[in-house]
Amino acid sequence: MFYNINYKTIFISTFTSSLPDKLLQEQLIASKDYKMLKNMSIEMVLEIYLEQLDRAVYLKFCKRMAIDMDS
């Protein structure tokens, strides 16, 4: 499935989840509190999480480089 928004084509994939019911309920409540669609809240949180993973990998690389330079 895809949408064309302002002449940009956005491809959308179907996501099937096996997350615990408690987590899905918390996500539903948070989506309502922030007045956003459930899929948008999942997208936002996933983008933040992936950015943090990238930062962690970069920091690990920098620390390893610093140790190698000291050796």
PDB file of N, CA and C in Angstrom:
ATOM      1  N   MET A   1       0.847  -1.169   0.000  1.00  0.00           N
ATOM      2  CA  MET A   1       0.000   0.000   0.000  1.00  0.00           C
ATOM      3  C   MET A   1       0.890   1.229   0.000  1.00  0.00           C
ATOM      4  N   PHE A   2       0.465   2.283  -0.710  1.00  0.00           N
ATOM      5  CA  PHE A   2       1.231   3.514  -0.690  1.00  0.00           C
ATOM      6  C   PHE A   2       0.299   4.703  -0.838  1.00  0.00           C
ATOM      7  N   TYR A   3       0.774   5.851  -0.381  1.00  0.00           N
ATOM      8  CA  TYR A   3       0.036   7.095  -0.475  1.00  0.00           C
ATOM      9  C   TYR A   3       0.906   8.117  -1.173  1.00  0.00           C
ATOM     10  N   ASN A   4       0.285   9.018  -1.901  1.00  0.00           N
ATOM     11  CA  ASN A   4       1.018  10.089  -2.550  1.00  0.00           C
ATOM     12  C   ASN A   4       0.631  11.386  -1.855  1.00  0.00           C
ATOM     13  N   ILE A   5       1.540  11.934  -1.057  1.00  0.00           N
ATOM     14  CA  ILE A   5       1.284  13.151  -0.297  1.00  0.00           C
ATOM     15  C   ILE A   5       2.229  14.223  -0.798  1.00  0.00           C
ATOM     16  N   ASN A   6       1.667  15.311  -1.312  1.00  0.00           N
ATOM     17  CA  ASN A   6       2.484  16.407  -1.843  1.00  0.00           C
ATOM     18  C   ASN A   6       3.528  15.891  -2.827  1.00  0.00           C
ATOM     19  N   TYR A   7       3.111  15.029  -3.725  1.00  0.00           N
ATOM     20  CA  TYR A   7       3.972  14.487  -4.768  1.00  0.00           C
ATOM     21  C   TYR A   7       5.101  13.618  -4.235  1.00  0.00           C
ATOM     22  N   LYS A   8       5.021  13.192  -3.005  1.00  0.00           N
ATOM     23  CA  LYS A   8       5.986  12.248  -2.443  1.00  0.00           C
ATOM     24  C   LYS A   8       5.258  10.932  -2.233  1.00  0.00           C
ATOM     25  N   THR A   9       5.830   9.864  -2.706  1.00  0.00           N
ATOM     26  CA  THR A   9       5.221   8.558  -2.528  1.00  0.00           C
ATOM     27  C   THR A   9       5.737   7.939  -1.240  1.00  0.00           C
ATOM     28  N   ILE A  10       4.821   7.541  -0.391  1.00  0.00           N
ATOM     29  CA  ILE A  10       5.161   6.929   0.885  1.00  0.00           C
ATOM     30  C   ILE A  10       4.654   5.493   0.861  1.00  0.00           C
ATOM     31  N   PHE A  11       5.558   4.547   1.013  1.00  0.00           N
ATOM     32  CA  PHE A  11       5.175   3.145   1.057  1.00  0.00           C
ATOM     33  C   PHE A  11       4.867   2.761   2.494  1.00  0.00           C
ATOM     34  N   ILE A  12       3.784   2.049   2.677  1.00  0.00           N
ATOM     35  CA  ILE A  12       3.358   1.648   4.009  1.00  0.00           C
ATOM     36  C   ILE A  12       3.258   0.131   4.048  1.00  0.00           C
ATOM     37  N   SER A  13       3.920  -0.457   5.035  1.00  0.00           N
ATOM     38  CA  SER A  13       3.895  -1.910   5.209  1.00  0.00           C
ATOM     39  C   SER A  13       2.938  -2.274   6.331  1.00  0.00           C
ATOM     40  N   THR A  14       2.435  -3.475   6.267  1.00  0.00           N
ATOM     41  CA  THR A  14       1.598  -3.985   7.342  1.00  0.00           C
ATOM     42  C   THR A  14       2.503  -4.496   8.453  1.00  0.00           C
ATOM     43  N   PHE A  15       2.145  -4.193   9.690  1.00  0.00           N
ATOM     44  CA  PHE A  15       2.937  -4.586  10.848  1.00  0.00           C
ATOM     45  C   PHE A  15       2.086  -5.482  11.727  1.00  0.00           C
ATOM     46  N   THR A  16       2.551  -6.682  11.973  1.00  0.00           N
ATOM     47  CA  THR A  16       1.867  -7.606  12.867  1.00  0.00           C
ATOM     48  C   THR A  16       2.669  -7.694  14.149  1.00  0.00           C
ATOM     49  N   SER A  17       1.991  -7.597  15.269  1.00  0.00           N
ATOM     50  CA  SER A  17       2.687  -7.542  16.546  1.00  0.00           C
ATOM     51  C   SER A  17       2.280  -8.692  17.455  1.00  0.00           C
ATOM     52  N   SER A  18       3.234  -9.131  18.230  1.00  0.00           N
ATOM     53  CA  SER A  18       2.936 -10.112  19.279  1.00  0.00           C
ATOM     54  C   SER A  18       3.328  -9.516  20.629  1.00  0.00           C
ATOM     55  N   LEU A  19       3.145  -8.209  20.748  1.00  0.00           N
ATOM     56  CA  LEU A  19       3.471  -7.517  21.991  1.00  0.00           C
ATOM     57  C   LEU A  19       2.470  -7.900  23.078  1.00  0.00           C
ATOM     58  N   PRO A  20       2.895  -7.827  24.332  1.00  0.00           N
ATOM     59  CA  PRO A  20       1.973  -8.146  25.435  1.00  0.00           C
ATOM     60  C   PRO A  20       0.780  -7.186  25.466  1.00  0.00           C
ATOM     61  N   ASP A  21      -0.362  -7.702  25.886  1.00  0.00           N
ATOM     62  CA  ASP A  21      -1.581  -6.892  25.950  1.00  0.00           C
ATOM     63  C   ASP A  21      -1.399  -5.654  26.821  1.00  0.00           C
ATOM     64  N   LYS A  22      -0.674  -5.792  27.923  1.00  0.00           N
ATOM     65  CA  LYS A  22      -0.462  -4.660  28.833  1.00  0.00           C
ATOM     66  C   LYS A  22       0.248  -3.514  28.110  1.00  0.00           C
ATOM     67  N   LEU A  23       1.258  -3.847  27.327  1.00  0.00           N
ATOM     68  CA  LEU A  23       2.002  -2.830  26.588  1.00  0.00           C
ATOM     69  C   LEU A  23       1.126  -2.171  25.524  1.00  0.00           C
ATOM     70  N   LEU A  24       0.311  -2.958  24.854  1.00  0.00           N
ATOM     71  CA  LEU A  24      -0.592  -2.405  23.843  1.00  0.00           C
ATOM     72  C   LEU A  24      -1.641  -1.493  24.477  1.00  0.00           C
ATOM     73  N   GLN A  25      -2.124  -1.851  25.666  1.00  0.00           N
ATOM     74  CA  GLN A  25      -3.076  -0.996  26.382  1.00  0.00           C
ATOM     75  C   GLN A  25      -2.427   0.330  26.764  1.00  0.00           C
ATOM     76  N   GLU A  26      -1.175   0.267  27.254  1.00  0.00           N
ATOM     77  CA  GLU A  26      -0.459   1.491  27.615  1.00  0.00           C
ATOM     78  C   GLU A  26      -0.251   2.376  26.389  1.00  0.00           C
ATOM     79  N   GLN A  27       0.039   1.744  25.260  1.00  0.00           N
ATOM     80  CA  GLN A  27       0.227   2.496  24.018  1.00  0.00           C
ATOM     81  C   GLN A  27      -1.079   3.153  23.577  1.00  0.00           C
ATOM     82  N   LEU A  28      -2.190   2.457  23.722  1.00  0.00           N
ATOM     83  CA  LEU A  28      -3.499   3.006  23.378  1.00  0.00           C
ATOM     84  C   LEU A  28      -3.821   4.212  24.257  1.00  0.00           C
ATOM     85  N   ILE A  29      -3.565   4.105  25.546  1.00  0.00           N
ATOM     86  CA  ILE A  29      -3.823   5.211  26.477  1.00  0.00           C
ATOM     87  C   ILE A  29      -2.938   6.405  26.146  1.00  0.00           C
ATOM     88  N   ALA A  30      -1.652   6.143  25.889  1.00  0.00           N
ATOM     89  CA  ALA A  30      -0.726   7.232  25.553  1.00  0.00           C
ATOM     90  C   ALA A  30      -1.144   7.912  24.254  1.00  0.00           C
ATOM     91  N   SER A  31      -1.578   7.141  23.275  1.00  0.00           N
ATOM     92  CA  SER A  31      -2.027   7.710  22.003  1.00  0.00           C
ATOM     93  C   SER A  31      -3.221   8.630  22.214  1.00  0.00           C
ATOM     94  N   LYS A  32      -4.148   8.211  23.063  1.00  0.00           N
ATOM     95  CA  LYS A  32      -5.315   9.050  23.352  1.00  0.00           C
ATOM     96  C   LYS A  32      -4.909  10.301  24.116  1.00  0.00           C
ATOM     97  N   ASP A  33      -4.002  10.148  25.100  1.00  0.00           N
ATOM     98  CA  ASP A  33      -3.549  11.300  25.886  1.00  0.00           C
ATOM     99  C   ASP A  33      -2.883  12.357  25.008  1.00  0.00           C
ATOM    100  N   TYR A  34      -2.069  11.906  24.053  1.00  0.00           N
ATOM    101  CA  TYR A  34      -1.348  12.838  23.181  1.00  0.00           C
ATOM    102  C   TYR A  34      -2.116  13.156  21.902  1.00  0.00           C
ATOM    103  N   LYS A  35      -3.323  12.609  21.793  1.00  0.00           N
ATOM    104  CA  LYS A  35      -4.200  12.857  20.649  1.00  0.00           C
ATOM    105  C   LYS A  35      -3.497  12.569  19.326  1.00  0.00           C
ATOM    106  N   MET A  36      -2.941  11.377  19.248  1.00  0.00           N
ATOM    107  CA  MET A  36      -2.298  10.959  18.007  1.00  0.00           C
ATOM    108  C   MET A  36      -2.736   9.539  17.661  1.00  0.00           C
ATOM    109  N   LEU A  37      -2.618   9.202  16.399  1.00  0.00           N
ATOM    110  CA  LEU A  37      -2.978   7.863  15.960  1.00  0.00           C
ATOM    111  C   LEU A  37      -2.010   6.843  16.544  1.00  0.00           C
ATOM    112  N   LYS A  38      -2.509   5.632  16.746  1.00  0.00           N
ATOM    113  CA  LYS A  38      -1.663   4.592  17.338  1.00  0.00           C
ATOM    114  C   LYS A  38      -0.433   4.322  16.482  1.00  0.00           C
ATOM    115  N   ASN A  39      -0.615   4.243  15.166  1.00  0.00           N
ATOM    116  CA  ASN A  39       0.536   3.954  14.317  1.00  0.00           C
ATOM    117  C   ASN A  39       1.560   5.087  14.345  1.00  0.00           C
ATOM    118  N   MET A  40       1.096   6.328  14.526  1.00  0.00           N
ATOM    119  CA  MET A  40       2.029   7.454  14.609  1.00  0.00           C
ATOM    120  C   MET A  40       2.832   7.392  15.900  1.00  0.00           C
ATOM    121  N   SER A  41       2.205   6.976  16.997  1.00  0.00           N
ATOM    122  CA  SER A  41       2.947   6.878  18.257  1.00  0.00           C
ATOM    123  C   SER A  41       3.977   5.750  18.181  1.00  0.00           C
ATOM    124  N   ILE A  42       3.630   4.647  17.538  1.00  0.00           N
ATOM    125  CA  ILE A  42       4.589   3.552  17.359  1.00  0.00           C
ATOM    126  C   ILE A  42       5.751   4.024  16.496  1.00  0.00           C
ATOM    127  N   GLU A  43       5.447   4.730  15.422  1.00  0.00           N
ATOM    128  CA  GLU A  43       6.493   5.243  14.529  1.00  0.00           C
ATOM    129  C   GLU A  43       7.434   6.190  15.270  1.00  0.00           C
ATOM    130  N   MET A  44       6.874   7.098  16.059  1.00  0.00           N
ATOM    131  CA  MET A  44       7.680   8.070  16.790  1.00  0.00           C
ATOM    132  C   MET A  44       8.607   7.366  17.786  1.00  0.00           C
ATOM    133  N   VAL A  45       8.064   6.441  18.549  1.00  0.00           N
ATOM    134  CA  VAL A  45       8.860   5.732  19.554  1.00  0.00           C
ATOM    135  C   VAL A  45       9.935   4.877  18.889  1.00  0.00           C
ATOM    136  N   LEU A  46       9.601   4.230  17.791  1.00  0.00           N
ATOM    137  CA  LEU A  46      10.571   3.392  17.093  1.00  0.00           C
ATOM    138  C   LEU A  46      11.709   4.229  16.517  1.00  0.00           C
ATOM    139  N   GLU A  47      11.388   5.397  15.965  1.00  0.00           N
ATOM    140  CA  GLU A  47      12.431   6.288  15.444  1.00  0.00           C
ATOM    141  C   GLU A  47      13.370   6.744  16.560  1.00  0.00           C
ATOM    142  N   ILE A  48      12.813   7.086  17.717  1.00  0.00           N
ATOM    143  CA  ILE A  48      13.641   7.504  18.862  1.00  0.00           C
ATOM    144  C   ILE A  48      14.535   6.348  19.306  1.00  0.00           C
ATOM    145  N   TYR A  49      13.967   5.159  19.393  1.00  0.00           N
ATOM    146  CA  TYR A  49      14.723   3.986  19.829  1.00  0.00           C
ATOM    147  C   TYR A  49      15.871   3.678  18.865  1.00  0.00           C
ATOM    148  N   LEU A  50      15.589   3.712  17.565  1.00  0.00           N
ATOM    149  CA  LEU A  50      16.636   3.426  16.580  1.00  0.00           C
ATOM    150  C   LEU A  50      17.732   4.487  16.604  1.00  0.00           C
ATOM    151  N   GLU A  51      17.361   5.731  16.835  1.00  0.00           N
ATOM    152  CA  GLU A  51      18.354   6.800  16.958  1.00  0.00           C
ATOM    153  C   GLU A  51      19.251   6.555  18.174  1.00  0.00           C
ATOM    154  N   GLN A  52      18.664   6.135  19.282  1.00  0.00           N
ATOM    155  CA  GLN A  52      19.453   5.830  20.479  1.00  0.00           C
ATOM    156  C   GLN A  52      20.389   4.650  20.241  1.00  0.00           C
ATOM    157  N   LEU A  53      19.935   3.654  19.493  1.00  0.00           N
ATOM    158  CA  LEU A  53      20.807   2.528  19.154  1.00  0.00           C
ATOM    159  C   LEU A  53      21.995   2.997  18.317  1.00  0.00           C
ATOM    160  N   ASP A  54      21.735   3.860  17.336  1.00  0.00           N
ATOM    161  CA  ASP A  54      22.816   4.404  16.514  1.00  0.00           C
ATOM    162  C   ASP A  54      23.821   5.158  17.370  1.00  0.00           C
ATOM    163  N   ARG A  55      23.344   5.950  18.299  1.00  0.00           N
ATOM    164  CA  ARG A  55      24.238   6.697  19.191  1.00  0.00           C
ATOM    165  C   ARG A  55      25.068   5.755  20.051  1.00  0.00           C
ATOM    166  N   ALA A  56      24.445   4.703  20.555  1.00  0.00           N
ATOM    167  CA  ALA A  56      25.166   3.744  21.397  1.00  0.00           C
ATOM    168  C   ALA A  56      26.268   3.047  20.600  1.00  0.00           C
ATOM    169  N   VAL A  57      25.984   2.677  19.369  1.00  0.00           N
ATOM    170  CA  VAL A  57      26.994   2.044  18.515  1.00  0.00           C
ATOM    171  C   VAL A  57      28.128   3.021  18.240  1.00  0.00           C
ATOM    172  N   TYR A  58      27.792   4.276  17.964  1.00  0.00           N
ATOM    173  CA  TYR A  58      28.809   5.293  17.700  1.00  0.00           C
ATOM    174  C   TYR A  58      29.686   5.519  18.929  1.00  0.00           C
ATOM    175  N   LEU A  59      29.078   5.613  20.113  1.00  0.00           N
ATOM    176  CA  LEU A  59      29.856   5.802  21.343  1.00  0.00           C
ATOM    177  C   LEU A  59      30.775   4.616  21.608  1.00  0.00           C
ATOM    178  N   LYS A  60      30.275   3.420  21.383  1.00  0.00           N
ATOM    179  CA  LYS A  60      31.095   2.222  21.568  1.00  0.00           C
ATOM    180  C   LYS A  60      32.289   2.253  20.615  1.00  0.00           C
ATOM    181  N   PHE A  61      32.051   2.671  19.375  1.00  0.00           N
ATOM    182  CA  PHE A  61      33.123   2.783  18.387  1.00  0.00           C
ATOM    183  C   PHE A  61      34.155   3.819  18.829  1.00  0.00           C
ATOM    184  N   CYS A  62      33.688   4.977  19.308  1.00  0.00           N
ATOM    185  CA  CYS A  62      34.599   6.038  19.751  1.00  0.00           C
ATOM    186  C   CYS A  62      35.430   5.585  20.945  1.00  0.00           C
ATOM    187  N   LYS A  63      34.813   4.900  21.890  1.00  0.00           N
ATOM    188  CA  LYS A  63      35.554   4.401  23.051  1.00  0.00           C
ATOM    189  C   LYS A  63      36.609   3.386  22.625  1.00  0.00           C
ATOM    190  N   ARG A  64      36.253   2.522  21.688  1.00  0.00           N
ATOM    191  CA  ARG A  64      37.204   1.530  21.199  1.00  0.00           C
ATOM    192  C   ARG A  64      38.376   2.216  20.490  1.00  0.00           C
ATOM    193  N   MET A  65      38.083   3.256  19.715  1.00  0.00           N
ATOM    194  CA  MET A  65      39.139   4.006  19.026  1.00  0.00           C
ATOM    195  C   MET A  65      40.056   4.687  20.033  1.00  0.00           C
ATOM    196  N   ALA A  66      39.494   5.234  21.102  1.00  0.00           N
ATOM    197  CA  ALA A  66      40.297   5.904  22.126  1.00  0.00           C
ATOM    198  C   ALA A  66      41.223   4.907  22.814  1.00  0.00           C
ATOM    199  N   ILE A  67      40.717   3.720  23.089  1.00  0.00           N
ATOM    200  CA  ILE A  67      41.541   2.683  23.719  1.00  0.00           C
ATOM    201  C   ILE A  67      42.655   2.256  22.767  1.00  0.00           C
ATOM    202  N   ASP A  68      42.318   2.091  21.489  1.00  0.00           N
ATOM    203  CA  ASP A  68      43.319   1.692  20.497  1.00  0.00           C
ATOM    204  C   ASP A  68      44.406   2.751  20.343  1.00  0.00           C
ATOM    205  N   MET A  69      44.033   4.020  20.422  1.00  0.00           N
ATOM    206  CA  MET A  69      45.017   5.098  20.283  1.00  0.00           C
ATOM    207  C   MET A  69      45.929   5.167  21.501  1.00  0.00           C
ATOM    208  N   ASP A  70      45.412   4.793  22.669  1.00  0.00           N
ATOM    209  CA  ASP A  70      46.214   4.795  23.892  1.00  0.00           C
ATOM    210  C   ASP A  70      47.202   3.636  23.906  1.00  0.00           C
ATOM    211  N   SER A  71      46.894   2.585  23.199  1.00  0.00           N
ATOM    212  CA  SER A  71      47.744   1.381  23.211  1.00  0.00           C
ATOM    213  C   SER A  71      48.978   1.559  22.368  1.00  0.00           C
TER     214      SER A  71
END
